[in-house]
Amino acid sequence: MIYLIRSVRKRNIFRSLFKRNHLQPAIEMNLVRMTIPDKPNSRNQRYVKI
């Protein structure tokens, strides 16, 4: 059980670092756009190359 919790924490940390370091700058430089900009945390959110 403890391994599962650690795995989930690692995944969440990786996801937040990826969004901050790579995805957000790409959005700001207009390299990609969100498919659902009104709901950035939607489970159906996708990113499209411009």
Protein backbone atom coordinates (compact mmCIF):
# COMPACT_ATOMS: atom_id res chain seq x y z
CA MET A 1 0.00 0.00 0.00
CA ILE A 2 2.80 2.42 0.85
CA TYR A 3 4.36 1.80 -2.59
CA LEU A 4 1.11 2.78 -4.29
CA ILE A 5 0.96 6.04 -2.33
CA ARG A 6 4.57 6.85 -3.25
CA SER A 7 3.87 6.08 -6.89
CA VAL A 8 0.86 8.40 -6.95
CA ARG A 9 2.84 11.18 -5.26
CA LYS A 10 5.69 10.82 -7.77
CA ARG A 11 3.25 10.97 -10.67
CA ASN A 12 1.59 14.11 -9.30
CA ILE A 13 4.95 15.80 -8.71
CA PHE A 14 6.11 14.90 -12.21
CA ARG A 15 2.85 16.17 -13.72
CA SER A 16 3.06 19.53 -11.92
CA LEU A 17 6.73 20.00 -12.86
CA PHE A 18 6.01 19.11 -16.49
CA LYS A 19 3.13 21.60 -16.64
CA ARG A 20 5.19 24.38 -15.05
CA ASN A 21 8.46 23.79 -16.92
CA HIS A 22 7.32 22.68 -20.37
CA LEU A 23 3.61 22.94 -21.06
CA GLN A 24 2.92 26.44 -19.71
CA PRO A 25 5.84 28.05 -21.63
CA ALA A 26 4.68 26.29 -24.83
CA ILE A 27 1.16 27.67 -24.34
CA GLU A 28 2.52 31.17 -23.71
CA MET A 29 4.68 30.99 -26.88
CA ASN A 30 1.59 29.87 -28.87
CA LEU A 31 3.15 26.55 -29.81
CA VAL A 32 0.22 24.57 -28.41
CA ARG A 33 -3.31 25.40 -27.35
CA MET A 34 -5.80 23.81 -24.98
CA THR A 35 -8.89 22.15 -26.42
CA ILE A 36 -10.96 23.23 -23.38
CA PRO A 37 -9.45 26.56 -22.24
CA ASP A 38 -12.33 27.27 -19.84
CA LYS A 39 -11.51 24.13 -17.83
CA PRO A 40 -7.72 23.72 -17.67
CA ASN A 41 -7.94 20.88 -15.11
CA SER A 42 -10.58 18.87 -16.94
CA ARG A 43 -9.84 15.17 -17.33
CA ASN A 44 -10.77 15.58 -21.00
CA GLN A 45 -8.24 18.38 -21.57
CA ARG A 46 -6.01 17.91 -24.61
CA TYR A 47 -3.36 20.05 -26.21
CA VAL A 48 -3.14 20.73 -29.94
CA LYS A 49 -0.07 21.84 -31.85
CA ILE A 50 -0.66 25.16 -33.65
